[in-house]
Amino acid sequence: LNHLDPDSGTSTELFEKLESEGFFILASSNELAIEEILPVYYTRQQVEQTFDIGKNYTGLLPVRIQSEDRLRGHLLITFIASMIVKRIQLELLNHENKRTKKLNPISLFQNLGYQRCSVFEDKIIIHEADSKANQGYKLFKIKVPEELNLGSR
């Protein structure tokens, strides 16, 4: 807000600047330095987005757990899964390829889930992935082998 400093001009000029640029007001019961306000606000927003991912994509709720240890384990695994989904989401958004931007973490997981293979006694042959799965492999630098040798059993 330095460019809207009331000491920089008359109140009429300030009002005109505010009228064209708009207002952004945050109220808090905590005392914060001016330079800390927006970083704290955006951190809160990131935490809310993480919980949204946890609730909607990684199975945070409903929780039907009988012990505190299992609840803590469930929350830890859900939080880790949420961080992975968030990381994938950011990578998909930041990638330069416009075709990749059509993917979101859920569609990427679905397409990776369609990856097929043929299992034999001594090896597994991996089938060609579809184009969206290949986009995910390429983006995350995953090299899919053509086959896996199981050795003799």
N, C-alpha and C. Protein backbone atom coordinates (compact mmCIF):
# COMPACT_ATOMS: atom_id res chain seq x y z
N LEU A 1 0.81 -1.20 0.00
CA LEU A 1 0.00 0.00 0.00
C LEU A 1 0.85 1.26 0.00
N ASN A 2 2.14 1.14 -0.15
CA ASN A 2 2.99 2.32 -0.13
C ASN A 2 2.61 3.32 -1.20
N HIS A 3 2.15 2.85 -2.36
CA HIS A 3 1.77 3.79 -3.42
C HIS A 3 0.44 4.49 -3.11
N LEU A 4 -0.24 4.06 -2.06
CA LEU A 4 -1.48 4.72 -1.63
C LEU A 4 -1.29 5.40 -0.28
N ASP A 5 -0.08 5.77 0.02
CA ASP A 5 0.25 6.41 1.29
C ASP A 5 -0.50 7.74 1.39
N PRO A 6 -1.29 7.95 2.47
CA PRO A 6 -2.06 9.18 2.60
C PRO A 6 -1.19 10.43 2.61
N ASP A 7 0.09 10.30 2.98
CA ASP A 7 0.97 11.46 3.00
C ASP A 7 1.46 11.84 1.61
N SER A 8 1.20 10.99 0.61
CA SER A 8 1.71 11.25 -0.73
C SER A 8 0.83 12.20 -1.53
N GLY A 9 -0.31 12.57 -1.06
CA GLY A 9 -1.19 13.47 -1.81
C GLY A 9 -2.39 13.84 -0.97
N THR A 10 -3.32 14.51 -1.58
CA THR A 10 -4.52 14.92 -0.86
C THR A 10 -5.44 13.73 -0.68
N SER A 11 -6.39 13.85 0.21
CA SER A 11 -7.34 12.77 0.44
C SER A 11 -8.18 12.50 -0.80
N THR A 12 -8.42 13.51 -1.61
CA THR A 12 -9.18 13.31 -2.85
C THR A 12 -8.39 12.42 -3.81
N GLU A 13 -7.08 12.67 -3.94
CA GLU A 13 -6.25 11.84 -4.80
C GLU A 13 -6.21 10.40 -4.29
N LEU A 14 -6.09 10.24 -2.97
CA LEU A 14 -6.08 8.93 -2.36
C LEU A 14 -7.38 8.20 -2.65
N PHE A 15 -8.51 8.89 -2.48
CA PHE A 15 -9.81 8.29 -2.74
C PHE A 15 -9.92 7.87 -4.20
N GLU A 16 -9.45 8.69 -5.12
CA GLU A 16 -9.51 8.35 -6.54
C GLU A 16 -8.67 7.11 -6.85
N LYS A 17 -7.49 7.01 -6.22
CA LYS A 17 -6.66 5.82 -6.41
C LYS A 17 -7.35 4.57 -5.88
N LEU A 18 -7.94 4.68 -4.69
CA LEU A 18 -8.65 3.54 -4.09
C LEU A 18 -9.86 3.14 -4.92
N GLU A 19 -10.53 4.14 -5.47
CA GLU A 19 -11.72 3.88 -6.27
C GLU A 19 -11.37 3.06 -7.52
N SER A 20 -10.23 3.33 -8.11
CA SER A 20 -9.85 2.60 -9.32
C SER A 20 -9.13 1.29 -9.01
N GLU A 21 -8.44 1.19 -7.87
CA GLU A 21 -7.66 -0.01 -7.57
C GLU A 21 -8.36 -0.97 -6.62
N GLY A 22 -9.33 -0.53 -5.88
CA GLY A 22 -10.07 -1.40 -4.99
C GLY A 22 -9.47 -1.48 -3.60
N PHE A 23 -10.13 -2.27 -2.74
CA PHE A 23 -9.72 -2.42 -1.35
C PHE A 23 -9.42 -3.88 -1.07
N PHE A 24 -8.53 -4.11 -0.15
CA PHE A 24 -8.26 -5.45 0.36
C PHE A 24 -8.05 -5.26 1.86
N ILE A 25 -9.02 -5.71 2.65
CA ILE A 25 -8.97 -5.48 4.09
C ILE A 25 -8.91 -6.82 4.81
N LEU A 26 -7.98 -6.91 5.75
CA LEU A 26 -7.88 -8.09 6.61
C LEU A 26 -8.01 -7.62 8.05
N ALA A 27 -8.86 -8.30 8.80
CA ALA A 27 -9.02 -7.99 10.22
C ALA A 27 -8.55 -9.19 11.03
N SER A 28 -7.83 -8.92 12.10
CA SER A 28 -7.31 -10.00 12.92
C SER A 28 -7.26 -9.57 14.38
N SER A 29 -7.40 -10.54 15.26
CA SER A 29 -7.25 -10.25 16.68
C SER A 29 -5.79 -10.31 17.09
N ASN A 30 -4.93 -10.80 16.20
CA ASN A 30 -3.48 -10.85 16.46
C ASN A 30 -2.81 -9.57 15.98
N GLU A 31 -1.83 -9.13 16.73
CA GLU A 31 -1.06 -7.98 16.28
C GLU A 31 0.05 -8.47 15.37
N LEU A 32 0.07 -7.97 14.15
CA LEU A 32 1.07 -8.36 13.17
C LEU A 32 1.69 -7.11 12.56
N ALA A 33 2.97 -7.21 12.23
CA ALA A 33 3.61 -6.12 11.50
C ALA A 33 3.01 -6.08 10.10
N ILE A 34 2.95 -4.92 9.50
CA ILE A 34 2.32 -4.75 8.20
C ILE A 34 2.91 -5.71 7.17
N GLU A 35 4.24 -5.88 7.18
CA GLU A 35 4.87 -6.76 6.18
C GLU A 35 4.59 -8.23 6.42
N GLU A 36 4.04 -8.61 7.58
CA GLU A 36 3.72 -10.01 7.89
C GLU A 36 2.29 -10.39 7.50
N ILE A 37 1.44 -9.42 7.29
CA ILE A 37 0.00 -9.69 7.12
C ILE A 37 -0.29 -10.56 5.91
N LEU A 38 0.15 -10.17 4.72
CA LEU A 38 -0.16 -10.96 3.53
C LEU A 38 0.50 -12.34 3.54
N PRO A 39 1.77 -12.49 3.94
CA PRO A 39 2.33 -13.84 4.01
C PRO A 39 1.54 -14.77 4.95
N VAL A 40 1.10 -14.25 6.09
CA VAL A 40 0.30 -15.06 7.02
C VAL A 40 -1.05 -15.42 6.37
N TYR A 41 -1.66 -14.47 5.69
CA TYR A 41 -2.94 -14.72 5.02
C TYR A 41 -2.79 -15.81 3.97
N TYR A 42 -1.76 -15.72 3.14
CA TYR A 42 -1.58 -16.71 2.08
C TYR A 42 -1.16 -18.07 2.63
N THR A 43 -0.46 -18.11 3.75
CA THR A 43 -0.15 -19.38 4.40
C THR A 43 -1.44 -20.04 4.86
N ARG A 44 -2.34 -19.28 5.44
CA ARG A 44 -3.64 -19.80 5.86
C ARG A 44 -4.40 -20.37 4.66
N GLN A 45 -4.34 -19.66 3.54
CA GLN A 45 -5.02 -20.11 2.33
C GLN A 45 -4.43 -21.43 1.84
N GLN A 46 -3.11 -21.59 1.91
CA GLN A 46 -2.47 -22.84 1.50
C GLN A 46 -2.88 -23.99 2.42
N VAL A 47 -2.98 -23.72 3.72
CA VAL A 47 -3.41 -24.76 4.67
C VAL A 47 -4.84 -25.18 4.34
N GLU A 48 -5.72 -24.23 4.05
CA GLU A 48 -7.10 -24.57 3.69
C GLU A 48 -7.15 -25.40 2.42
N GLN A 49 -6.31 -25.08 1.43
CA GLN A 49 -6.27 -25.86 0.20
C GLN A 49 -5.78 -27.28 0.47
N THR A 50 -4.82 -27.41 1.37
CA THR A 50 -4.30 -28.74 1.72
C THR A 50 -5.40 -29.58 2.38
N PHE A 51 -6.17 -28.98 3.29
CA PHE A 51 -7.28 -29.72 3.91
C PHE A 51 -8.35 -30.05 2.88
N ASP A 52 -8.58 -29.17 1.91
CA ASP A 52 -9.53 -29.46 0.84
C ASP A 52 -9.08 -30.68 0.05
N ILE A 53 -7.80 -30.75 -0.28
CA ILE A 53 -7.27 -31.92 -0.98
C ILE A 53 -7.46 -33.15 -0.10
N GLY A 54 -7.15 -33.03 1.20
CA GLY A 54 -7.30 -34.15 2.12
C GLY A 54 -8.73 -34.65 2.20
N LYS A 55 -9.68 -33.74 2.25
CA LYS A 55 -11.09 -34.13 2.37
C LYS A 55 -11.62 -34.70 1.06
N ASN A 56 -11.26 -34.10 -0.06
CA ASN A 56 -11.90 -34.46 -1.32
C ASN A 56 -11.15 -35.51 -2.14
N TYR A 57 -9.84 -35.68 -1.93
CA TYR A 57 -9.09 -36.56 -2.80
C TYR A 57 -8.31 -37.66 -2.09
N THR A 58 -7.98 -37.50 -0.83
CA THR A 58 -7.11 -38.49 -0.19
C THR A 58 -7.74 -39.20 1.00
N GLY A 59 -9.05 -39.08 1.17
CA GLY A 59 -9.74 -39.90 2.16
C GLY A 59 -9.61 -39.47 3.61
N LEU A 60 -9.47 -38.18 3.86
CA LEU A 60 -9.35 -37.70 5.24
C LEU A 60 -10.61 -38.01 6.04
N LEU A 61 -11.77 -37.78 5.46
CA LEU A 61 -13.04 -38.00 6.14
C LEU A 61 -13.91 -38.93 5.32
N PRO A 62 -14.81 -39.67 5.88
CA PRO A 62 -15.10 -39.84 7.30
C PRO A 62 -14.09 -40.77 7.96
N VAL A 63 -13.87 -40.54 9.23
CA VAL A 63 -12.92 -41.33 9.99
C VAL A 63 -13.69 -42.20 10.97
N ARG A 64 -13.52 -43.50 10.84
CA ARG A 64 -14.15 -44.45 11.77
C ARG A 64 -13.05 -45.27 12.42
N ILE A 65 -12.30 -44.64 13.29
CA ILE A 65 -11.14 -45.27 13.91
C ILE A 65 -11.37 -45.34 15.41
N GLN A 66 -10.99 -46.47 16.01
CA GLN A 66 -11.29 -46.71 17.41
C GLN A 66 -10.19 -46.27 18.37
N SER A 67 -8.95 -46.13 17.91
CA SER A 67 -7.87 -45.78 18.84
C SER A 67 -7.16 -44.51 18.37
N GLU A 68 -6.55 -43.85 19.32
CA GLU A 68 -5.82 -42.61 19.01
C GLU A 68 -4.63 -42.89 18.11
N ASP A 69 -3.93 -44.00 18.33
CA ASP A 69 -2.77 -44.35 17.49
C ASP A 69 -3.19 -44.54 16.04
N ARG A 70 -4.30 -45.21 15.82
CA ARG A 70 -4.79 -45.41 14.44
C ARG A 70 -5.23 -44.09 13.83
N LEU A 71 -5.82 -43.22 14.62
CA LEU A 71 -6.20 -41.90 14.12
C LEU A 71 -4.96 -41.11 13.70
N ARG A 72 -3.95 -41.13 14.54
CA ARG A 72 -2.70 -40.42 14.20
C ARG A 72 -2.07 -41.00 12.93
N GLY A 73 -2.07 -42.31 12.81
CA GLY A 73 -1.54 -42.95 11.62
C GLY A 73 -2.33 -42.58 10.38
N HIS A 74 -3.66 -42.59 10.52
CA HIS A 74 -4.54 -42.20 9.40
C HIS A 74 -4.27 -40.76 8.98
N LEU A 75 -4.16 -39.86 9.96
CA LEU A 75 -3.91 -38.45 9.64
C LEU A 75 -2.55 -38.26 8.98
N LEU A 76 -1.54 -38.99 9.46
CA LEU A 76 -0.20 -38.89 8.87
C LEU A 76 -0.21 -39.35 7.41
N ILE A 77 -0.79 -40.51 7.16
CA ILE A 77 -0.83 -41.04 5.79
C ILE A 77 -1.64 -40.11 4.89
N THR A 78 -2.77 -39.62 5.38
CA THR A 78 -3.59 -38.71 4.60
C THR A 78 -2.85 -37.42 4.31
N PHE A 79 -2.11 -36.90 5.29
CA PHE A 79 -1.34 -35.67 5.08
C PHE A 79 -0.25 -35.90 4.04
N ILE A 80 0.45 -37.02 4.12
CA ILE A 80 1.49 -37.33 3.13
C ILE A 80 0.86 -37.43 1.74
N ALA A 81 -0.26 -38.13 1.63
CA ALA A 81 -0.94 -38.26 0.34
C ALA A 81 -1.39 -36.89 -0.17
N SER A 82 -1.88 -36.04 0.72
CA SER A 82 -2.30 -34.70 0.32
C SER A 82 -1.13 -33.89 -0.21
N MET A 83 0.03 -34.02 0.41
CA MET A 83 1.23 -33.30 -0.05
C MET A 83 1.68 -33.80 -1.42
N ILE A 84 1.56 -35.11 -1.63
CA ILE A 84 1.91 -35.66 -2.94
C ILE A 84 0.96 -35.14 -4.01
N VAL A 85 -0.34 -35.15 -3.71
CA VAL A 85 -1.32 -34.63 -4.67
C VAL A 85 -1.08 -33.15 -4.94
N LYS A 86 -0.79 -32.38 -3.90
CA LYS A 86 -0.52 -30.95 -4.07
C LYS A 86 0.71 -30.73 -4.93
N ARG A 87 1.76 -31.51 -4.68
CA ARG A 87 3.00 -31.39 -5.47
C ARG A 87 2.74 -31.72 -6.94
N ILE A 88 1.98 -32.79 -7.18
CA ILE A 88 1.64 -33.16 -8.55
C ILE A 88 0.81 -32.05 -9.20
N GLN A 89 -0.14 -31.51 -8.44
CA GLN A 89 -0.98 -30.42 -8.94
C GLN A 89 -0.12 -29.22 -9.36
N LEU A 90 0.84 -28.85 -8.53
CA LEU A 90 1.72 -27.71 -8.84
C LEU A 90 2.57 -28.01 -10.07
N GLU A 91 3.09 -29.23 -10.16
CA GLU A 91 3.90 -29.59 -11.33
C GLU A 91 3.07 -29.52 -12.61
N LEU A 92 1.84 -30.01 -12.55
CA LEU A 92 0.97 -29.97 -13.73
C LEU A 92 0.64 -28.54 -14.12
N LEU A 93 0.43 -27.66 -13.13
CA LEU A 93 0.12 -26.26 -13.43
C LEU A 93 1.34 -25.51 -13.97
N ASN A 94 2.53 -25.84 -13.48
CA ASN A 94 3.74 -25.12 -13.87
C ASN A 94 4.39 -25.65 -15.13
N HIS A 95 3.94 -26.79 -15.63
CA HIS A 95 4.58 -27.37 -16.80
C HIS A 95 4.25 -26.55 -18.04
N GLU A 96 5.21 -26.44 -18.93
CA GLU A 96 5.07 -25.59 -20.12
C GLU A 96 4.19 -26.19 -21.20
N ASN A 97 4.10 -27.52 -21.27
CA ASN A 97 3.36 -28.17 -22.33
C ASN A 97 1.86 -27.93 -22.16
N LYS A 98 1.22 -27.30 -23.12
CA LYS A 98 -0.20 -26.97 -23.00
C LYS A 98 -1.08 -28.22 -22.95
N ARG A 99 -0.67 -29.32 -23.59
CA ARG A 99 -1.45 -30.55 -23.52
C ARG A 99 -1.46 -31.11 -22.10
N THR A 100 -0.36 -30.97 -21.39
CA THR A 100 -0.26 -31.48 -20.03
C THR A 100 -1.18 -30.71 -19.09
N LYS A 101 -1.42 -29.43 -19.37
CA LYS A 101 -2.27 -28.62 -18.50
C LYS A 101 -3.70 -29.15 -18.45
N LYS A 102 -4.08 -30.00 -19.40
CA LYS A 102 -5.41 -30.59 -19.37
C LYS A 102 -5.53 -31.64 -18.27
N LEU A 103 -4.39 -32.09 -17.76
CA LEU A 103 -4.40 -33.10 -16.71
C LEU A 103 -4.53 -32.45 -15.34
N ASN A 104 -5.19 -33.14 -14.45
CA ASN A 104 -5.17 -32.79 -13.03
C ASN A 104 -4.74 -34.06 -12.31
N PRO A 105 -4.40 -33.97 -11.03
CA PRO A 105 -3.89 -35.17 -10.35
C PRO A 105 -4.83 -36.37 -10.44
N ILE A 106 -6.12 -36.15 -10.33
CA ILE A 106 -7.06 -37.28 -10.33
C ILE A 106 -7.10 -37.94 -11.70
N SER A 107 -7.19 -37.14 -12.79
CA SER A 107 -7.20 -37.75 -14.12
C SER A 107 -5.87 -38.43 -14.42
N LEU A 108 -4.77 -37.86 -13.92
CA LEU A 108 -3.46 -38.49 -14.10
C LEU A 108 -3.44 -39.85 -13.40
N PHE A 109 -3.92 -39.93 -12.15
CA PHE A 109 -3.95 -41.19 -11.42
C PHE A 109 -4.85 -42.21 -12.14
N GLN A 110 -5.99 -41.74 -12.65
CA GLN A 110 -6.89 -42.65 -13.37
C GLN A 110 -6.20 -43.23 -14.59
N ASN A 111 -5.52 -42.38 -15.37
CA ASN A 111 -4.84 -42.84 -16.57
C ASN A 111 -3.67 -43.76 -16.22
N LEU A 112 -2.97 -43.48 -15.15
CA LEU A 112 -1.90 -44.38 -14.73
C LEU A 112 -2.47 -45.72 -14.26
N GLY A 113 -3.68 -45.68 -13.70
CA GLY A 113 -4.33 -46.91 -13.26
C GLY A 113 -4.73 -47.83 -14.40
N TYR A 114 -4.82 -47.27 -15.62
CA TYR A 114 -5.16 -48.08 -16.79
C TYR A 114 -3.93 -48.76 -17.39
N GLN A 115 -2.75 -48.50 -16.82
CA GLN A 115 -1.52 -49.12 -17.32
C GLN A 115 -1.66 -50.63 -17.18
N ARG A 116 -1.43 -51.35 -18.25
CA ARG A 116 -1.60 -52.81 -18.25
C ARG A 116 -0.27 -53.51 -18.43
N CYS A 117 -0.26 -54.77 -18.03
CA CYS A 117 0.93 -55.61 -18.22
C CYS A 117 0.47 -57.06 -18.35
N SER A 118 1.36 -57.85 -18.91
CA SER A 118 1.13 -59.30 -19.00
C SER A 118 2.13 -59.97 -18.08
N VAL A 119 1.63 -60.83 -17.20
CA VAL A 119 2.49 -61.50 -16.22
C VAL A 119 2.72 -62.95 -16.65
N PHE A 120 4.00 -63.29 -16.76
CA PHE A 120 4.41 -64.65 -17.09
C PHE A 120 5.20 -65.21 -15.92
N GLU A 121 5.57 -66.46 -16.02
CA GLU A 121 6.27 -67.09 -14.91
C GLU A 121 7.61 -66.42 -14.61
N ASP A 122 8.32 -66.00 -15.65
CA ASP A 122 9.66 -65.46 -15.45
C ASP A 122 9.79 -63.96 -15.74
N LYS A 123 8.74 -63.34 -16.26
CA LYS A 123 8.84 -61.91 -16.54
C LYS A 123 7.46 -61.25 -16.62
N ILE A 124 7.49 -59.93 -16.53
CA ILE A 124 6.29 -59.10 -16.71
C ILE A 124 6.56 -58.20 -17.90
N ILE A 125 5.65 -58.21 -18.86
CA ILE A 125 5.78 -57.33 -20.03
C ILE A 125 4.81 -56.17 -19.85
N ILE A 126 5.33 -54.96 -19.86
CA ILE A 126 4.52 -53.75 -19.66
C ILE A 126 3.99 -53.30 -21.01
N HIS A 127 2.68 -53.11 -21.10
CA HIS A 127 2.05 -52.67 -22.34
C HIS A 127 2.27 -51.17 -22.52
N GLU A 128 2.10 -50.71 -23.73
CA GLU A 128 2.23 -49.28 -24.03
C GLU A 128 1.16 -48.50 -23.26
N ALA A 129 1.58 -47.41 -22.63
CA ALA A 129 0.64 -46.57 -21.87
C ALA A 129 -0.13 -45.67 -22.82
N ASP A 130 -1.30 -45.20 -22.37
CA ASP A 130 -2.03 -44.25 -23.20
C ASP A 130 -1.33 -42.88 -23.16
N SER A 131 -1.79 -41.96 -23.98
CA SER A 131 -1.08 -40.68 -24.14
C SER A 131 -1.05 -39.86 -22.85
N LYS A 132 -2.13 -39.87 -22.08
CA LYS A 132 -2.14 -39.07 -20.85
C LYS A 132 -1.21 -39.66 -19.80
N ALA A 133 -1.16 -40.98 -19.71
CA ALA A 133 -0.22 -41.62 -18.79
C ALA A 133 1.21 -41.31 -19.23
N ASN A 134 1.45 -41.36 -20.54
CA ASN A 134 2.79 -41.02 -21.06
C ASN A 134 3.16 -39.58 -20.74
N GLN A 135 2.19 -38.66 -20.78
CA GLN A 135 2.46 -37.28 -20.39
C GLN A 135 2.93 -37.22 -18.94
N GLY A 136 2.26 -37.96 -18.07
CA GLY A 136 2.64 -37.99 -16.66
C GLY A 136 4.03 -38.59 -16.46
N TYR A 137 4.31 -39.70 -17.15
CA TYR A 137 5.64 -40.31 -17.06
C TYR A 137 6.72 -39.32 -17.50
N LYS A 138 6.45 -38.65 -18.62
CA LYS A 138 7.44 -37.71 -19.16
C LYS A 138 7.64 -36.53 -18.21
N LEU A 139 6.55 -35.97 -17.72
CA LEU A 139 6.63 -34.81 -16.84
C LEU A 139 7.43 -35.12 -15.58
N PHE A 140 7.20 -36.28 -14.99
CA PHE A 140 7.87 -36.64 -13.74
C PHE A 140 9.14 -37.48 -13.96
N LYS A 141 9.57 -37.54 -15.23
CA LYS A 141 10.82 -38.23 -15.60
C LYS A 141 10.84 -39.68 -15.12
N ILE A 142 9.73 -40.37 -15.35
CA ILE A 142 9.62 -41.78 -14.98
C ILE A 142 9.87 -42.61 -16.23
N LYS A 143 10.87 -43.46 -16.18
CA LYS A 143 11.18 -44.34 -17.30
C LYS A 143 10.50 -45.68 -17.04
N VAL A 144 9.58 -46.04 -17.91
CA VAL A 144 8.85 -47.30 -17.76
C VAL A 144 9.58 -48.36 -18.58
N PRO A 145 10.02 -49.43 -17.93
CA PRO A 145 10.72 -50.48 -18.68
C PRO A 145 9.73 -51.25 -19.57
N GLU A 146 10.26 -51.85 -20.61
CA GLU A 146 9.41 -52.66 -21.48
C GLU A 146 9.04 -53.98 -20.80
N GLU A 147 9.96 -54.48 -19.97
CA GLU A 147 9.66 -55.71 -19.25
C GLU A 147 10.48 -55.78 -17.96
N LEU A 148 10.00 -56.58 -17.04
CA LEU A 148 10.68 -56.84 -15.78
C LEU A 148 10.96 -58.33 -15.69
N ASN A 149 12.21 -58.66 -15.49
CA ASN A 149 12.57 -60.08 -15.34
C ASN A 149 12.35 -60.50 -13.89
N LEU A 150 11.65 -61.59 -13.69
CA LEU A 150 11.36 -62.09 -12.35
C LEU A 150 12.37 -63.16 -11.93
N GLY A 151 13.19 -63.61 -12.85
CA GLY A 151 14.14 -64.67 -12.52
C GLY A 151 13.42 -65.99 -12.39
N SER A 152 14.13 -67.00 -12.00
CA SER A 152 13.49 -68.30 -11.84
C SER A 152 12.87 -68.39 -10.46
N ARG A 153 11.72 -69.01 -10.40
CA ARG A 153 11.00 -69.13 -9.13
C ARG A 153 11.15 -70.49 -8.56
